[in-house]
Amino acid sequence: MSSPGIQHISQCFIKPKNTPEEAKQPIYLSQWDLAMACANYIQKGLLFAKPPAFDRENQMEDLLEKLKDSLALALDHFYPLAGRLATLKQENPPIYSIYVDCNNSPGARFVHASLNSTIDDILSPVDVPKIVQSFFDHDRAINHDGHTRPLLTIQVTELIDGIFMGCSANHMIVDGTSYWHFFNTWSEIFNANGQKIAISRPPIHKRWFLEGHGPILSLPFTHHDQFVRIHEAPQMRERVFHFSSESLAKLKAKANAESDTTKISSLQALAAHVWRCITRTRNLPPDQETSCMMAINNRTRLCPPVPQEYVGNCIQAVRATAAAGELLDRGLGWSSSKLHLAVHNHTDEIVRNWVESWLQSPVIYQAAEFIDPCSVLMGSSPRFNMYGSEFGLGKAVAIRSGYANKFDGKVSSFPGVEGGGSMDLEICLRPHSMSLLESDEEFMGAVTVSSSRD
């Protein structure tokens, strides 16, 4: 790598081109949104190869202007991302709640940066280079910081032969589904080349509340010092492992055959495979309880279902548990079945019971709840249309993420660049565990290549 640091060239703020009337009213947040106050921003981005004969100055300036113009139009539809958080406090009756204020905000931040490095400098190392964290704004910020920070920052970092588009979005405003909905809509508007279009999937901003509740949900606090906690990740290695569609088909077939069923999905089989192999690296006592958590979209679980275009958090985590010894002895089918059952049992009733419980005793997620040296947490989703956003640059060559929401045992799943049902897993582990995982024959036997660039 030629240069050790990112050079920030310019920044500006982008407001919606035409602010809709509904943006002038407070946007109150749901229980799933409020619970995310101490999580980090979502930080995901796409790495593009520069098109042939791409001029470093004029074409880059043209691209930046088009990105800014189309972002302003995208914010017409996703206007909460141009706002700031605000806190509503009231003594009688007591209310403490957080909402989005779109009236007192400079807008979303847009940053242009450069790095004197190549695509291979980013993708060829075995581990994800630490410099990738610099491709994103809001490093180590938590969502509550959205009171004073933008709720959305786009950072466009120019490499010698590539362009990285990093998007940092407040996790109280969007979950993964609505994050990529925004990204895809922005790309759709960009590709219209200034023509006014009717976007294919208009967002739905009306938050989901349990009958008889909302729109203002009060938290049991009087000051943010009572709940704001900052998590600092330990020293870890972060690596991307690739699984071809053929490899995943074998894992799925094995899991279903061992369980005498046909219902286990490729993702459930892969998650079980990772759960077992990471547990083996940790050398836990046989009776030590382990767990595998999977982030799950509540939209299709609720009755009636919530549209996929719903903007906001509509997620929870389902959990399968097993003693370490039994997990390793029983095989892939048994662990896959436990994960399948956890997903299958996540019904409308379960979701509503969780919401009722939260309303009776509101909580804000703290990192310590998910950081367990005996657990694995599967986040993100290979179902998100990550490679569908091209911005006139062609298909991205890789997906990478920032510092946010990472800890020992965090696994993020992305679609593979070649499509066809392939997947990439971004795995974060303590250095010793990662070394053991890399030498684990069962795990590596399913890995096709270790980088998402073919």
Protein backbone atom coordinates (compact mmCIF):
# COMPACT_ATOMS: atom_id res chain seq x y z
CA MET A 1 0.00 0.00 0.00
CA SER A 2 1.53 3.28 -1.11
CA SER A 3 -0.04 5.65 1.39
CA PRO A 4 -0.98 4.99 5.00
CA GLY A 5 -3.88 7.42 5.22
CA ILE A 6 -7.06 8.74 3.71
CA GLN A 7 -6.94 12.29 2.37
CA HIS A 8 -10.20 14.18 2.88
CA ILE A 9 -10.69 16.52 -0.07
CA SER A 10 -14.09 18.12 0.52
CA GLN A 11 -17.40 17.76 2.28
CA CYS A 12 -20.83 19.32 2.03
CA PHE A 13 -24.36 18.74 3.26
CA ILE A 14 -27.21 17.55 1.05
CA LYS A 15 -30.85 18.33 1.74
CA PRO A 16 -33.88 16.87 -0.03
CA LYS A 17 -34.50 18.59 -3.36
CA ASN A 18 -38.18 19.05 -2.54
CA THR A 19 -38.95 18.58 1.16
CA PRO A 20 -42.33 16.84 1.52
CA GLU A 21 -44.92 18.23 3.92
CA GLU A 22 -44.80 15.17 6.17
CA ALA A 23 -41.10 15.85 6.80
CA LYS A 24 -42.08 19.01 8.70
CA GLN A 25 -43.68 16.94 11.47
CA PRO A 26 -41.81 15.00 14.18
CA ILE A 27 -41.10 11.42 13.16
CA TYR A 28 -41.64 9.28 16.24
CA LEU A 29 -39.74 6.02 16.48
CA SER A 30 -40.95 2.49 17.16
CA GLN A 31 -39.86 0.13 19.92
CA TRP A 32 -37.39 -1.57 17.55
CA ASP A 33 -35.88 1.82 16.63
CA LEU A 34 -35.57 3.09 20.20
CA ALA A 35 -33.94 -0.14 21.34
CA MET A 36 -31.06 0.55 18.91
CA ALA A 37 -29.96 3.84 20.55
CA CYS A 38 -26.60 2.47 21.74
CA ALA A 39 -25.75 0.38 18.67
CA ASN A 40 -23.37 1.71 16.03
CA TYR A 41 -24.38 3.19 12.71
CA ILE A 42 -24.75 0.73 9.82
CA GLN A 43 -21.59 0.95 7.71
CA LYS A 44 -21.58 -0.90 4.40
CA GLY A 45 -20.04 0.04 1.08
CA LEU A 46 -19.31 -1.01 -2.48
CA LEU A 47 -15.90 -1.15 -4.14
CA PHE A 48 -15.95 -0.38 -7.86
CA ALA A 49 -13.25 -0.65 -10.49
CA LYS A 50 -12.77 2.61 -12.38
CA PRO A 51 -14.23 2.31 -15.88
CA PRO A 52 -11.71 2.20 -18.74
CA ALA A 53 -10.22 5.61 -19.60
CA PHE A 54 -11.73 7.14 -16.47
CA ASP A 55 -10.17 10.58 -16.17
CA ARG A 56 -8.97 11.33 -12.64
CA GLU A 57 -10.25 14.90 -12.62
CA ASN A 58 -13.10 15.77 -14.99
CA GLN A 59 -14.99 12.49 -14.90
CA MET A 60 -14.56 12.21 -11.15
CA GLU A 61 -16.00 15.70 -10.70
CA ASP A 62 -18.89 14.85 -13.00
CA LEU A 63 -19.55 11.66 -11.03
CA LEU A 64 -19.52 13.52 -7.70
CA GLU A 65 -21.99 16.13 -8.96
CA LYS A 66 -24.34 13.45 -10.28
CA LEU A 67 -24.10 11.59 -6.98
CA LYS A 68 -24.97 14.73 -5.04
CA ASP A 69 -27.89 15.66 -7.31
CA SER A 70 -29.36 12.16 -7.25
CA LEU A 71 -28.83 11.91 -3.48
CA ALA A 72 -30.89 15.07 -2.99
CA LEU A 73 -33.68 13.49 -5.04
CA ALA A 74 -33.38 10.21 -3.13
CA LEU A 75 -33.74 12.14 0.13
CA ASP A 76 -37.09 13.46 -1.14
CA HIS A 77 -38.26 9.88 -0.59
CA PHE A 78 -36.04 8.97 2.39
CA TYR A 79 -36.29 12.34 4.15
CA PRO A 80 -35.74 11.03 7.72
CA LEU A 81 -32.11 10.36 6.77
CA ALA A 82 -31.65 14.11 6.21
CA GLY A 83 -32.82 14.95 9.75
CA ARG A 84 -31.33 14.83 13.22
CA LEU A 85 -32.43 13.09 16.39
CA ALA A 86 -34.14 15.12 19.12
CA THR A 87 -35.33 14.21 22.61
CA LEU A 88 -38.81 14.92 23.89
CA LYS A 89 -38.87 15.50 27.66
CA GLN A 90 -41.98 16.15 29.72
CA GLU A 91 -42.54 16.04 33.48
CA ASN A 92 -46.30 15.66 33.81
CA PRO A 93 -47.08 13.07 32.68
CA PRO A 94 -43.43 11.91 32.53
CA ILE A 95 -42.22 11.36 28.96
CA TYR A 96 -38.72 10.72 27.66
CA SER A 97 -38.61 9.80 24.00
CA ILE A 98 -36.41 10.22 20.93
CA TYR A 99 -37.70 11.32 17.55
CA VAL A 100 -36.44 12.60 14.18
CA ASP A 101 -36.51 16.33 13.52
CA CYS A 102 -36.13 17.19 9.84
CA ASN A 103 -36.58 20.94 10.36
CA ASN A 104 -33.39 21.69 12.27
CA SER A 105 -30.75 19.83 10.30
CA PRO A 106 -28.19 20.77 7.65
CA GLY A 107 -28.98 17.49 5.87
CA ALA A 108 -26.96 14.40 5.03
CA ARG A 109 -23.17 14.70 4.81
CA PHE A 110 -21.32 14.00 1.56
CA VAL A 111 -17.55 13.46 1.74
CA HIS A 112 -15.01 13.18 -1.08
CA ALA A 113 -11.73 11.51 -0.12
CA SER A 114 -8.78 9.80 -1.79
CA LEU A 115 -6.32 7.05 -0.98
CA ASN A 116 -3.12 6.33 -2.89
CA SER A 117 -3.83 2.59 -3.04
CA THR A 118 -5.20 0.04 -5.47
CA ILE A 119 -8.09 -2.40 -5.43
CA ASP A 120 -5.60 -5.22 -4.89
CA ASP A 121 -4.24 -3.41 -1.82
CA ILE A 122 -7.75 -3.69 -0.38
CA LEU A 123 -8.73 -7.17 -1.55
CA SER A 124 -5.53 -9.22 -1.78
CA PRO A 125 -4.52 -9.33 1.94
CA VAL A 126 -5.80 -12.35 3.83
CA ASP A 127 -7.43 -10.11 6.45
CA VAL A 128 -9.54 -7.05 5.69
CA PRO A 129 -7.09 -4.11 6.02
CA LYS A 130 -7.77 -1.68 8.85
CA ILE A 131 -7.71 1.18 6.33
CA VAL A 132 -11.16 0.03 5.16
CA GLN A 133 -12.60 1.45 8.39
CA SER A 134 -11.49 4.89 7.11
CA PHE A 135 -13.82 4.54 4.11
CA PHE A 136 -16.73 5.38 6.43
CA ASP A 137 -17.82 8.39 8.46
CA HIS A 138 -19.12 8.07 12.04
CA ASP A 139 -16.32 5.76 13.14
CA ARG A 140 -17.27 4.30 16.54
CA ALA A 141 -20.32 6.59 16.79
CA ILE A 142 -23.47 5.22 18.37
CA ASN A 143 -26.94 5.99 17.08
CA HIS A 144 -27.74 8.35 19.96
CA ASP A 145 -24.98 10.58 18.55
CA GLY A 146 -27.45 11.40 15.78
CA HIS A 147 -28.57 14.28 18.00
CA THR A 148 -25.44 16.14 16.87
CA ARG A 149 -24.21 14.08 13.90
CA PRO A 150 -25.81 13.55 10.47
CA LEU A 151 -28.08 10.52 10.29
CA LEU A 152 -26.54 9.67 6.92
CA THR A 153 -23.07 10.18 5.46
CA ILE A 154 -21.92 9.13 2.02
CA GLN A 155 -18.14 8.96 1.63
CA VAL A 156 -16.75 8.52 -1.87
CA THR A 157 -13.09 7.49 -1.68
CA GLU A 158 -11.09 7.52 -4.90
CA LEU A 159 -8.36 4.87 -5.22
CA ILE A 160 -5.72 4.68 -7.95
CA ASP A 161 -7.84 2.22 -9.96
CA GLY A 162 -11.10 2.13 -8.03
CA ILE A 163 -13.84 4.00 -6.20
CA PHE A 164 -15.27 3.02 -2.83
CA MET A 165 -18.74 4.27 -1.92
CA GLY A 166 -19.22 3.98 1.84
CA CYS A 167 -22.61 4.63 3.38
CA SER A 168 -23.02 5.22 7.13
CA ALA A 169 -26.65 5.34 8.23
CA ASN A 170 -28.14 5.69 11.69
CA HIS A 171 -29.47 2.31 12.83
CA MET A 172 -32.40 3.93 14.67
CA ILE A 173 -33.70 5.12 11.29
CA VAL A 174 -33.09 2.06 9.12
CA ASP A 175 -32.42 -1.65 9.46
CA GLY A 176 -30.64 -3.68 6.80
CA THR A 177 -33.74 -4.06 4.64
CA SER A 178 -34.50 -0.33 4.52
CA TYR A 179 -30.77 0.57 4.31
CA TRP A 180 -30.39 -1.34 1.04
CA HIS A 181 -33.82 -0.11 -0.12
CA PHE A 182 -32.42 3.42 0.18
CA PHE A 183 -29.14 2.50 -1.55
CA ASN A 184 -30.96 0.79 -4.45
CA THR A 185 -33.41 3.69 -4.84
CA TRP A 186 -30.56 6.20 -4.93
CA SER A 187 -28.88 4.16 -7.67
CA GLU A 188 -32.17 3.95 -9.58
CA ILE A 189 -32.50 7.76 -9.49
CA PHE A 190 -28.84 8.19 -10.47
CA ASN A 191 -29.31 5.94 -13.49
CA ALA A 192 -32.22 8.09 -14.68
CA ASN A 193 -29.66 10.77 -15.60
CA GLY A 194 -31.67 13.69 -14.31
CA GLN A 195 -34.98 12.52 -15.75
CA LYS A 196 -37.91 12.68 -13.37
CA ILE A 197 -38.97 9.11 -12.65
CA ALA A 198 -41.47 7.29 -10.51
CA ILE A 199 -39.26 5.12 -8.31
CA SER A 200 -40.07 1.41 -8.41
CA ARG A 201 -40.50 0.93 -4.66
CA PRO A 202 -41.74 4.02 -2.78
CA PRO A 203 -40.80 3.85 0.91
CA ILE A 204 -43.40 3.63 3.68
CA HIS A 205 -42.55 5.86 6.63
CA LYS A 206 -45.51 5.22 8.93
CA ARG A 207 -44.02 3.37 11.90
CA TRP A 208 -45.55 0.10 13.13
CA PHE A 209 -47.00 0.27 16.63
CA LEU A 210 -48.96 -2.28 18.60
CA GLU A 211 -52.67 -1.51 18.66
CA GLY A 212 -53.44 1.13 21.27
CA HIS A 213 -49.85 2.36 21.52
CA GLY A 214 -47.76 5.06 19.86
CA PRO A 215 -46.77 7.21 18.22
CA ILE A 216 -44.87 8.46 21.30
CA LEU A 217 -43.21 5.65 23.26
CA SER A 218 -41.61 6.75 26.51
CA LEU A 219 -38.33 5.38 27.81
CA PRO A 220 -37.77 4.94 31.59
CA PHE A 221 -35.04 7.60 31.76
CA THR A 222 -34.63 11.28 32.50
CA HIS A 223 -31.16 11.76 30.94
CA HIS A 224 -29.16 9.95 28.27
CA ASP A 225 -26.30 9.33 30.73
CA GLN A 226 -28.56 6.68 32.27
CA PHE A 227 -28.37 4.44 29.19
CA VAL A 228 -25.58 5.56 26.83
CA ARG A 229 -22.77 3.01 26.83
CA ILE A 230 -19.85 2.81 24.41
CA HIS A 231 -18.47 -0.55 23.30
CA GLU A 232 -14.84 -0.77 22.24
CA ALA A 233 -14.11 -3.87 20.18
CA PRO A 234 -11.21 -6.07 21.32
CA GLN A 235 -8.28 -6.92 19.08
CA MET A 236 -9.69 -9.10 16.34
CA ARG A 237 -8.97 -10.43 12.91
CA GLU A 238 -11.56 -9.85 10.22
CA ARG A 239 -11.65 -12.01 7.13
CA VAL A 240 -14.03 -12.62 4.23
CA PHE A 241 -14.66 -16.23 3.22
CA HIS A 242 -16.40 -17.14 -0.03
CA PHE A 243 -18.86 -20.00 -0.50
CA SER A 244 -19.90 -20.94 -4.02
CA SER A 245 -23.46 -21.97 -4.83
CA GLU A 246 -22.19 -25.52 -5.38
CA SER A 247 -20.55 -25.63 -1.95
CA LEU A 248 -23.70 -24.27 -0.30
CA ALA A 249 -25.84 -26.82 -2.14
CA LYS A 250 -23.69 -29.61 -0.65
CA LEU A 251 -24.00 -28.17 2.88
CA LYS A 252 -27.76 -27.83 2.47
CA ALA A 253 -28.14 -31.35 1.11
CA LYS A 254 -26.06 -32.79 3.95
CA ALA A 255 -28.00 -30.89 6.62
CA ASN A 256 -31.36 -31.99 5.22
CA ALA A 257 -30.27 -35.60 4.72
CA GLU A 258 -28.98 -35.89 8.29
CA SER A 259 -32.23 -34.34 9.58
CA ASP A 260 -34.50 -36.38 7.27
CA THR A 261 -36.18 -33.21 6.00
CA THR A 262 -36.15 -30.84 3.03
CA LYS A 263 -36.91 -27.64 4.92
CA ILE A 264 -33.46 -26.45 6.02
CA SER A 265 -32.27 -23.49 3.92
CA SER A 266 -28.78 -22.85 2.58
CA LEU A 267 -28.30 -19.97 5.02
CA GLN A 268 -29.42 -22.08 7.99
CA ALA A 269 -27.05 -24.88 6.98
CA LEU A 270 -24.18 -22.41 6.53
CA ALA A 271 -24.91 -20.73 9.87
CA ALA A 272 -24.89 -24.13 11.61
CA HIS A 273 -21.61 -25.01 9.88
CA VAL A 274 -20.03 -21.76 11.11
CA TRP A 275 -21.48 -22.19 14.61
CA ARG A 276 -19.96 -25.66 14.94
CA CYS A 277 -16.57 -24.73 13.51
CA ILE A 278 -16.12 -21.53 15.52
CA THR A 279 -17.15 -23.40 18.66
CA ARG A 280 -14.47 -26.00 17.94
CA THR A 281 -11.79 -23.28 17.75
CA ARG A 282 -12.78 -22.02 21.20
CA ASN A 283 -11.99 -25.35 22.91
CA LEU A 284 -14.89 -24.99 25.34
CA PRO A 285 -15.79 -27.50 28.08
CA PRO A 286 -18.30 -30.07 26.75
CA ASP A 287 -21.06 -28.83 29.06
CA GLN A 288 -20.55 -25.15 28.21
CA GLU A 289 -23.71 -23.68 26.68
CA THR A 290 -23.18 -22.09 23.28
CA SER A 291 -25.61 -20.25 21.05
CA CYS A 292 -26.08 -19.08 17.52
CA MET A 293 -28.20 -15.99 16.97
CA MET A 294 -29.58 -14.95 13.61
CA ALA A 295 -31.01 -11.52 12.80
CA ILE A 296 -34.53 -12.00 11.44
CA ASN A 297 -36.88 -9.72 9.53
CA ASN A 298 -40.22 -9.33 11.30
CA ARG A 299 -41.96 -7.87 8.26
CA THR A 300 -43.14 -11.21 6.90
CA ARG A 301 -43.71 -12.69 10.37
CA LEU A 302 -46.40 -10.21 11.39
CA CYS A 303 -50.06 -10.70 10.50
CA PRO A 304 -50.94 -8.79 8.47
CA PRO A 305 -47.41 -8.63 7.07
CA VAL A 306 -45.51 -5.34 6.99
CA PRO A 307 -44.40 -4.39 3.45
CA GLN A 308 -40.72 -4.76 2.60
CA GLU A 309 -40.80 -1.04 1.75
CA TYR A 310 -41.38 -0.18 5.44
CA VAL A 311 -38.57 2.18 6.52
CA GLY A 312 -37.31 1.65 10.04
CA ASN A 313 -36.23 -1.26 12.19
CA CYS A 314 -38.39 -4.35 12.04
CA ILE A 315 -35.90 -6.94 13.21
CA GLN A 316 -35.11 -9.20 16.13
CA ALA A 317 -32.69 -12.03 16.81
CA VAL A 318 -33.64 -15.68 17.12
CA ARG A 319 -31.40 -18.00 19.10
CA ALA A 320 -30.52 -21.68 19.10
CA THR A 321 -28.56 -23.09 22.03
CA ALA A 322 -26.58 -26.27 22.61
CA ALA A 323 -23.86 -27.60 24.89
CA ALA A 324 -20.50 -27.40 23.13
CA GLY A 325 -19.85 -31.12 23.31
CA GLU A 326 -23.25 -32.09 21.94
CA LEU A 327 -23.04 -29.45 19.20
CA LEU A 328 -19.80 -30.95 17.91
CA ASP A 329 -20.80 -34.60 18.39
CA ARG A 330 -24.25 -34.44 16.82
CA GLY A 331 -23.25 -33.16 13.39
CA LEU A 332 -24.47 -30.58 10.88
CA GLY A 333 -28.04 -31.84 10.52
CA TRP A 334 -28.81 -31.60 14.23
CA SER A 335 -27.47 -28.05 14.62
CA SER A 336 -29.16 -26.94 11.38
CA SER A 337 -32.47 -28.32 12.66
CA LYS A 338 -32.16 -26.28 15.85
CA LEU A 339 -31.63 -23.10 13.83
CA HIS A 340 -34.47 -23.96 11.46
CA LEU A 341 -36.80 -24.52 14.41
CA ALA A 342 -35.80 -21.17 15.97
CA VAL A 343 -36.64 -19.39 12.70
CA HIS A 344 -39.84 -21.39 12.14
CA ASN A 345 -41.13 -20.65 15.63
CA HIS A 346 -40.67 -16.88 15.24
CA THR A 347 -44.36 -16.18 14.62
CA ASP A 348 -46.68 -13.20 14.77
CA GLU A 349 -47.56 -14.18 18.33
CA ILE A 350 -43.91 -14.28 19.39
CA VAL A 351 -43.21 -10.88 17.83
CA ARG A 352 -46.25 -9.27 19.45
CA ASN A 353 -45.43 -10.82 22.83
CA TRP A 354 -41.93 -9.33 22.62
CA VAL A 355 -43.38 -5.90 21.79
CA GLU A 356 -45.87 -6.12 24.68
CA SER A 357 -43.07 -7.06 27.05
CA TRP A 358 -40.92 -4.18 25.78
CA LEU A 359 -43.76 -1.69 26.24
CA GLN A 360 -44.17 -2.82 29.84
CA SER A 361 -40.44 -2.52 30.49
CA PRO A 362 -38.61 -0.64 27.69
CA VAL A 363 -34.96 -1.52 27.19
CA ILE A 364 -32.12 -0.28 25.03
CA TYR A 365 -29.82 -2.94 23.62
CA GLN A 366 -26.32 -2.90 25.05
CA ALA A 367 -23.38 -4.55 23.29
CA ALA A 368 -22.71 -6.72 26.35
CA GLU A 369 -25.99 -8.57 25.67
CA PHE A 370 -24.61 -9.85 22.36
CA ILE A 371 -20.94 -10.24 23.23
CA ASP A 372 -20.62 -13.74 24.56
CA PRO A 373 -17.34 -15.64 24.12
CA CYS A 374 -19.39 -18.79 23.57
CA SER A 375 -21.78 -17.44 20.91
CA VAL A 376 -22.02 -16.57 17.24
CA LEU A 377 -24.25 -13.82 15.81
CA MET A 378 -25.23 -13.92 12.14
CA GLY A 379 -26.13 -10.48 10.77
CA SER A 380 -26.92 -8.85 7.43
CA SER A 381 -28.39 -11.05 4.65
CA PRO A 382 -27.38 -12.50 1.28
CA ARG A 383 -30.93 -11.69 0.16
CA PHE A 384 -30.23 -7.94 0.11
CA ASN A 385 -29.69 -6.58 -3.40
CA MET A 386 -26.26 -5.20 -2.61
CA TYR A 387 -24.75 -5.53 -6.07
CA GLY A 388 -27.81 -3.96 -7.71
CA SER A 389 -26.48 -0.44 -7.05
CA GLU A 390 -24.06 0.53 -9.83
CA PHE A 391 -24.07 4.36 -10.19
CA GLY A 392 -22.83 4.22 -13.76
CA LEU A 393 -19.67 2.36 -12.72
CA GLY A 394 -20.74 -1.17 -13.59
CA LYS A 395 -21.12 -3.94 -11.05
CA ALA A 396 -19.10 -3.57 -7.85
CA VAL A 397 -16.21 -5.98 -7.34
CA ALA A 398 -16.67 -6.36 -3.57
CA ILE A 399 -18.65 -5.36 -0.49
CA ARG A 400 -16.89 -4.24 2.65
CA SER A 401 -18.04 -2.85 6.00
CA GLY A 402 -16.66 -0.49 8.64
CA TYR A 403 -15.87 -0.78 12.33
CA ALA A 404 -19.50 -0.75 13.38
CA ASN A 405 -21.21 -3.46 15.43
CA LYS A 406 -18.33 -5.95 15.40
CA PHE A 407 -17.14 -8.27 18.13
CA ASP A 408 -15.68 -11.75 18.62
CA GLY A 409 -18.09 -14.15 16.91
CA LYS A 410 -19.88 -11.59 14.69
CA VAL A 411 -20.57 -12.95 11.21
CA SER A 412 -22.09 -10.87 8.41
CA SER A 413 -23.51 -12.58 5.33
CA PHE A 414 -23.41 -10.96 1.89
CA PRO A 415 -24.35 -12.19 -1.58
CA GLY A 416 -21.37 -13.43 -3.56
CA VAL A 417 -20.22 -11.18 -6.37
CA GLU A 418 -20.92 -13.81 -9.04
CA GLY A 419 -24.53 -14.26 -7.87
CA GLY A 420 -26.30 -17.56 -8.39
CA GLY A 421 -26.87 -18.09 -4.68
CA SER A 422 -23.20 -17.80 -3.66
CA MET A 423 -22.39 -16.06 -0.38
CA ASP A 424 -19.57 -14.23 1.36
CA LEU A 425 -19.16 -14.37 5.12
CA GLU A 426 -17.31 -11.59 6.91
CA ILE A 427 -16.11 -13.24 10.13
CA CYS A 428 -14.66 -11.43 13.15
CA LEU A 429 -12.72 -13.51 15.67
CA ARG A 430 -9.96 -13.24 18.22
CA PRO A 431 -6.63 -13.85 16.42
CA HIS A 432 -6.05 -17.29 17.97
CA SER A 433 -9.55 -18.50 17.07
CA MET A 434 -9.21 -17.22 13.50
CA SER A 435 -5.92 -19.09 13.06
CA LEU A 436 -7.59 -22.29 14.24
CA LEU A 437 -10.57 -21.69 11.96
CA GLU A 438 -8.24 -21.29 8.98
CA SER A 439 -6.74 -24.70 9.74
CA ASP A 440 -10.09 -26.39 10.46
CA GLU A 441 -10.56 -28.98 7.70
CA GLU A 442 -14.34 -29.13 8.04
CA PHE A 443 -14.72 -25.35 7.76
CA MET A 444 -12.20 -24.78 4.99
CA GLY A 445 -13.56 -27.76 3.07
CA ALA A 446 -16.67 -25.70 2.30
CA VAL A 447 -14.81 -22.46 1.51
CA THR A 448 -14.33 -21.79 -2.19
CA VAL A 449 -12.04 -18.74 -2.07
CA SER A 450 -11.18 -16.47 0.83
CA SER A 451 -11.85 -13.16 -0.90
CA SER A 452 -15.01 -11.81 -2.49
CA ARG A 453 -13.06 -10.84 -5.63
CA ASP A 454 -12.87 -13.64 -8.17
